[in-house]
Amino acid sequence: MGERRQHGPAESLERTLERGWSAFDEGDLDDALGLALTALRRHPDQPDALLLRGACRVERGEPGEALADLDRAAAAAAQAELRFFRGLALYDLARTDEARGELEQALRLEPEWCDAHYELARVLDHLGDTPGARRHYRRAHELHPDGHPLPLEMDDAEFDRLVKEALQELPEQVRGHLRDVPVVVEAAPRDEMLQGSEPPLPPDLLGLFVGRSLLEKSHADLPSLPPTIYVFRRNLLRACRSREELAEQVRITVQHEVGHMIGADEQQLDEWGLA
């Protein structure tokens, strides 16, 4: 007969969750999620295990599933962390007013939490509260300078020049398609733009093409609103660390959205220099 395997005592819930949060903090989401699931198999409604799984789902881009976990955890989980991750999930679902409320609550409970200051700044930036966003960006930077650099600042005219330069770099046959397609620079995407999809588009979009691609059009099409390319200034400024990086990212964003407008496949984009 084979040798019987001996199993030691099961790891305590506290230790499983401790290892899960350590993995989460190190960016190992697969390990963190696996440990959350291990805890939930033994304790299906344990609030701190639901909180960990919800946090992992936020980071994995699954805000709807994350919010369901966080709502189940609401009765007993650590309240500052719960508010923080609910704020992130709501923000990703384009429910920005609710996200602001949750992050403000997190900061009332943990006033010196640099990540909460930074995430609240992102929400306020999206909502157009520039003074409030700057205040929280500065506080996040003061608390953790390396982790939360201040967003770039640039006047509207200079940013518009970067967009125009990116358009001028497009091949002539591509620029011809843009004569009837406006390229609009906006501070941030409006909530109605984001909520027009299911699931909603993320508020941190750098650019967006709205309308039917050229390949989808036909002479039988009924008149409709014209296609439009949007470039979102504040999101791009926050995503970049230098003016050189910003110029490159604006170029990439414009080309990407033009590719959507054309409806080209990867081979065509490569041939036109847009891949």
Protein backbone atom coordinates (compact mmCIF):
# COMPACT_ATOMS: atom_id res chain seq x y z
CA MET A 1 0.00 0.00 0.00
CA GLY A 2 1.11 3.55 -0.66
CA GLU A 3 2.28 5.78 2.12
CA ARG A 4 -0.55 7.72 3.73
CA ARG A 5 -0.02 11.46 3.51
CA GLN A 6 -0.17 13.38 6.77
CA HIS A 7 -1.85 16.79 6.76
CA GLY A 8 -1.01 19.43 9.33
CA PRO A 9 -3.61 21.69 10.92
CA ALA A 10 -5.27 24.19 8.60
CA GLU A 11 -3.78 27.65 8.59
CA SER A 12 -5.73 30.13 10.69
CA LEU A 13 -8.05 32.57 8.94
CA GLU A 14 -6.04 35.46 10.33
CA ARG A 15 -2.80 34.11 8.86
CA THR A 16 -4.41 33.38 5.47
CA LEU A 17 -5.70 36.93 5.22
CA GLU A 18 -2.40 38.35 6.41
CA ARG A 19 -0.62 36.52 3.60
CA GLY A 20 -3.32 37.62 1.18
CA TRP A 21 -2.87 41.30 1.98
CA SER A 22 0.91 40.95 1.79
CA ALA A 23 0.55 39.49 -1.71
CA PHE A 24 -1.88 42.27 -2.63
CA ASP A 25 0.53 44.97 -1.44
CA GLU A 26 3.31 43.35 -3.50
CA GLY A 27 1.14 43.38 -6.62
CA ASP A 28 0.67 39.59 -6.79
CA LEU A 29 -3.07 39.68 -7.44
CA ASP A 30 -3.35 36.02 -8.43
CA ASP A 31 -1.87 34.88 -5.12
CA ALA A 32 -3.92 37.42 -3.14
CA LEU A 33 -7.13 36.34 -4.84
CA GLY A 34 -6.32 32.67 -4.31
CA LEU A 35 -5.84 33.27 -0.59
CA ALA A 36 -9.09 35.23 -0.40
CA LEU A 37 -10.90 32.32 -2.06
CA THR A 38 -9.25 29.88 0.37
CA ALA A 39 -10.56 31.93 3.28
CA LEU A 40 -14.03 32.19 1.75
CA ARG A 41 -14.28 28.45 1.16
CA ARG A 42 -13.92 27.95 4.92
CA HIS A 43 -15.84 31.09 5.95
CA PRO A 44 -18.20 32.06 3.09
CA ASP A 45 -19.45 35.34 4.59
CA GLN A 46 -16.33 36.45 6.44
CA PRO A 47 -16.19 40.27 5.96
CA ASP A 48 -12.41 40.65 5.84
CA ALA A 49 -12.11 37.84 3.27
CA LEU A 50 -14.82 39.52 1.17
CA LEU A 51 -12.94 42.79 1.51
CA LEU A 52 -9.74 41.19 0.21
CA ARG A 53 -11.52 39.56 -2.72
CA GLY A 54 -13.25 42.86 -3.48
CA ALA A 55 -9.93 44.71 -3.41
CA CYS A 56 -8.43 42.16 -5.82
CA ARG A 57 -11.39 42.51 -8.15
CA VAL A 58 -11.02 46.30 -8.20
CA GLU A 59 -7.40 45.94 -9.25
CA ARG A 60 -8.30 43.31 -11.86
CA GLY A 61 -10.75 45.70 -13.53
CA GLU A 62 -13.91 43.97 -12.27
CA PRO A 63 -15.65 46.84 -10.44
CA GLY A 64 -19.16 45.39 -10.54
CA GLU A 65 -18.09 42.11 -8.94
CA ALA A 66 -15.90 44.02 -6.49
CA LEU A 67 -18.80 46.20 -5.39
CA ALA A 68 -20.94 43.12 -4.72
CA ASP A 69 -18.23 41.72 -2.42
CA LEU A 70 -17.70 45.05 -0.67
CA ASP A 71 -21.42 45.52 -0.08
CA ARG A 72 -21.58 42.06 1.53
CA ALA A 73 -18.61 42.99 3.71
CA ALA A 74 -20.07 46.33 4.79
CA ALA A 75 -21.46 45.22 8.14
CA ALA A 76 -18.20 44.25 9.81
CA ALA A 77 -15.11 44.79 7.64
CA ALA A 78 -12.47 47.39 8.46
CA GLN A 79 -14.31 50.58 7.62
CA ALA A 80 -11.55 52.78 6.16
CA GLU A 81 -10.40 50.05 3.77
CA LEU A 82 -13.99 49.21 2.87
CA ARG A 83 -14.78 52.84 2.03
CA PHE A 84 -11.57 53.15 0.03
CA PHE A 85 -12.15 50.13 -2.19
CA ARG A 86 -15.84 50.93 -2.61
CA GLY A 87 -14.74 54.36 -3.82
CA LEU A 88 -12.41 52.79 -6.39
CA ALA A 89 -15.10 50.39 -7.63
CA LEU A 90 -17.70 53.16 -7.92
CA TYR A 91 -15.23 55.37 -9.78
CA ASP A 92 -14.52 52.60 -12.29
CA LEU A 93 -18.29 52.23 -12.77
CA ALA A 94 -18.50 55.98 -13.58
CA ARG A 95 -20.52 56.63 -10.40
CA THR A 96 -18.22 59.48 -9.51
CA ASP A 97 -20.35 61.40 -7.01
CA GLU A 98 -20.78 58.23 -4.95
CA ALA A 99 -17.05 57.50 -5.29
CA ARG A 100 -16.22 60.92 -3.88
CA GLY A 101 -18.41 60.31 -0.84
CA GLU A 102 -16.79 56.95 -0.10
CA LEU A 103 -13.24 58.30 -0.40
CA GLU A 104 -14.06 61.31 1.76
CA GLN A 105 -15.35 58.89 4.41
CA ALA A 106 -12.12 56.85 4.15
CA LEU A 107 -10.09 59.99 4.80
CA ARG A 108 -12.22 60.95 7.79
CA LEU A 109 -11.28 57.59 9.27
CA GLU A 110 -7.62 57.65 8.11
CA PRO A 111 -6.67 61.32 7.48
CA GLU A 112 -3.04 60.58 6.56
CA TRP A 113 -3.70 57.78 4.05
CA CYS A 114 -1.74 58.89 0.97
CA ASP A 115 -3.53 56.50 -1.43
CA ALA A 116 -6.93 57.79 -0.34
CA HIS A 117 -5.81 61.39 -0.90
CA TYR A 118 -4.58 60.48 -4.39
CA GLU A 119 -7.70 58.55 -5.39
CA LEU A 120 -9.95 61.33 -4.11
CA ALA A 121 -7.87 63.79 -6.16
CA ARG A 122 -8.52 61.67 -9.28
CA VAL A 123 -12.26 61.74 -8.62
CA LEU A 124 -12.28 65.49 -8.00
CA ASP A 125 -10.21 66.00 -11.15
CA HIS A 126 -12.84 64.09 -13.12
CA LEU A 127 -15.63 66.16 -11.55
CA GLY A 128 -13.90 69.41 -12.48
CA ASP A 129 -13.03 70.48 -8.93
CA THR A 130 -9.51 71.63 -9.81
CA PRO A 131 -8.69 73.33 -6.47
CA GLY A 132 -9.85 70.30 -4.49
CA ALA A 133 -7.95 67.91 -6.76
CA ARG A 134 -4.74 69.93 -6.43
CA ARG A 135 -5.06 70.00 -2.66
CA HIS A 136 -5.34 66.23 -2.40
CA TYR A 137 -2.66 65.58 -5.05
CA ARG A 138 -0.29 67.76 -3.03
CA ARG A 139 -1.13 65.98 0.22
CA ALA A 140 -0.62 62.54 -1.37
CA HIS A 141 2.72 63.75 -2.74
CA GLU A 142 3.78 65.11 0.65
CA LEU A 143 2.99 61.80 2.31
CA HIS A 144 4.59 59.61 -0.41
CA PRO A 145 6.60 61.63 -2.95
CA ASP A 146 7.91 58.64 -4.93
CA GLY A 147 4.58 56.85 -5.10
CA HIS A 148 2.45 59.87 -5.94
CA PRO A 149 4.23 62.40 -8.17
CA LEU A 150 2.30 65.55 -8.93
CA PRO A 151 0.46 65.61 -12.28
CA LEU A 152 2.01 67.63 -15.07
CA GLU A 153 0.62 71.10 -15.69
CA MET A 154 0.31 72.66 -19.15
CA ASP A 155 -1.85 75.43 -20.55
CA ASP A 156 -4.61 74.54 -22.98
CA ALA A 157 -2.94 76.16 -26.01
CA GLU A 158 0.29 74.18 -25.58
CA PHE A 159 -1.64 70.92 -25.13
CA ASP A 160 -3.69 71.66 -28.27
CA ARG A 161 -0.41 72.10 -30.17
CA LEU A 162 0.65 68.60 -29.15
CA VAL A 163 -2.60 67.20 -30.55
CA LYS A 164 -2.18 69.11 -33.81
CA GLU A 165 1.39 67.87 -34.16
CA ALA A 166 0.19 64.29 -33.61
CA LEU A 167 -2.41 64.74 -36.36
CA GLN A 168 0.19 66.15 -38.73
CA GLU A 169 2.32 63.03 -38.27
CA LEU A 170 -0.44 60.80 -39.66
CA PRO A 171 -0.01 59.48 -43.21
CA GLU A 172 -1.73 61.59 -45.88
CA GLN A 173 -4.26 58.87 -46.77
CA VAL A 174 -5.29 58.74 -43.11
CA ARG A 175 -5.48 62.52 -42.65
CA GLY A 176 -7.88 62.63 -45.56
CA HIS A 177 -10.43 60.67 -43.52
CA LEU A 178 -10.25 63.27 -40.76
CA ARG A 179 -11.61 66.18 -42.82
CA ASP A 180 -15.14 65.37 -41.69
CA VAL A 181 -14.27 64.04 -38.24
CA PRO A 182 -13.70 66.60 -35.45
CA VAL A 183 -10.88 65.94 -32.99
CA VAL A 184 -12.05 67.46 -29.71
CA VAL A 185 -9.89 68.07 -26.63
CA GLU A 186 -11.86 67.88 -23.38
CA ALA A 187 -10.64 68.01 -19.79
CA ALA A 188 -12.12 64.59 -18.94
CA PRO A 189 -14.79 62.26 -20.31
CA ARG A 190 -18.34 63.13 -19.35
CA ASP A 191 -20.24 60.54 -17.33
CA GLU A 192 -22.82 60.11 -20.09
CA MET A 193 -20.03 59.07 -22.45
CA LEU A 194 -18.83 56.45 -19.99
CA GLN A 195 -22.24 55.15 -19.02
CA GLY A 196 -23.28 54.61 -22.64
CA SER A 197 -21.51 51.23 -22.58
CA GLU A 198 -22.14 48.12 -20.52
CA PRO A 199 -20.08 47.82 -18.45
CA PRO A 200 -19.27 51.54 -18.28
CA LEU A 201 -16.01 52.79 -19.75
CA PRO A 202 -13.33 53.72 -17.19
CA PRO A 203 -13.09 57.45 -16.30
CA ASP A 204 -9.30 57.41 -16.84
CA LEU A 205 -9.65 57.03 -20.62
CA LEU A 206 -6.98 58.91 -22.54
CA GLY A 207 -9.03 59.10 -25.71
CA LEU A 208 -12.29 57.91 -27.22
CA PHE A 209 -13.77 57.50 -30.69
CA VAL A 210 -17.55 57.89 -30.78
CA GLY A 211 -19.56 56.85 -33.82
CA ARG A 212 -19.51 54.22 -36.54
CA SER A 213 -16.16 53.37 -38.08
CA LEU A 214 -15.63 54.04 -41.78
CA LEU A 215 -15.80 50.31 -42.53
CA GLU A 216 -19.27 50.14 -41.00
CA LYS A 217 -20.74 52.94 -43.13
CA SER A 218 -22.72 52.47 -46.33
CA HIS A 219 -24.60 54.76 -48.71
CA ALA A 220 -27.85 53.46 -47.20
CA ASP A 221 -26.99 54.80 -43.75
CA LEU A 222 -29.51 57.22 -42.30
CA PRO A 223 -28.17 60.61 -41.18
CA SER A 224 -26.78 60.52 -37.65
CA LEU A 225 -24.47 62.45 -35.38
CA PRO A 226 -21.02 62.68 -36.96
CA PRO A 227 -18.18 60.52 -35.67
CA THR A 228 -15.91 62.33 -33.21
CA ILE A 229 -12.49 61.68 -31.70
CA TYR A 230 -12.02 62.90 -28.12
CA VAL A 231 -8.69 63.46 -26.37
CA PHE A 232 -8.84 63.90 -22.58
CA ARG A 233 -6.33 66.44 -21.33
CA ARG A 234 -6.36 65.95 -17.54
CA ASN A 235 -6.12 62.17 -17.81
CA LEU A 236 -3.11 62.46 -20.12
CA LEU A 237 -1.40 65.01 -17.88
CA ARG A 238 -1.84 62.71 -14.89
CA ALA A 239 -0.59 59.65 -16.79
CA CYS A 240 2.76 61.17 -17.80
CA ARG A 241 5.85 62.20 -15.87
CA SER A 242 7.51 64.58 -18.36
CA ARG A 243 6.61 66.75 -21.33
CA GLU A 244 8.48 64.36 -23.61
CA GLU A 245 6.46 61.43 -22.33
CA LEU A 246 3.27 63.48 -22.69
CA ALA A 247 4.01 64.33 -26.34
CA GLU A 248 4.59 60.65 -27.08
CA GLN A 249 1.44 59.55 -25.24
CA VAL A 250 -0.68 62.16 -27.03
CA ARG A 251 0.67 60.85 -30.36
CA ILE A 252 -0.13 57.25 -29.39
CA THR A 253 -3.62 58.19 -28.17
CA VAL A 254 -4.51 60.14 -31.31
CA GLN A 255 -3.26 57.35 -33.55
CA HIS A 256 -5.13 54.73 -31.54
CA GLU A 257 -8.45 56.57 -31.83
CA VAL A 258 -7.89 57.26 -35.53
CA GLY A 259 -7.40 53.52 -35.93
CA HIS A 260 -10.81 52.95 -34.32
CA MET A 261 -12.34 55.55 -36.62
CA ILE A 262 -10.96 53.84 -39.71
CA GLY A 263 -11.98 50.40 -38.50
CA ALA A 264 -8.63 49.04 -39.65
CA ASP A 265 -7.25 45.70 -38.57
CA GLU A 266 -3.78 45.30 -37.07
CA GLN A 267 -2.12 44.67 -40.46
CA GLN A 268 -3.59 47.85 -41.92
CA LEU A 269 -2.60 49.88 -38.88
CA ASP A 270 0.93 48.56 -39.23
CA GLU A 271 1.04 49.44 -42.94
CA TRP A 272 -0.09 52.99 -42.18
CA GLY A 273 2.32 53.38 -39.30
CA LEU A 274 -0.41 53.40 -36.61
CA ALA A 275 0.27 50.09 -34.85
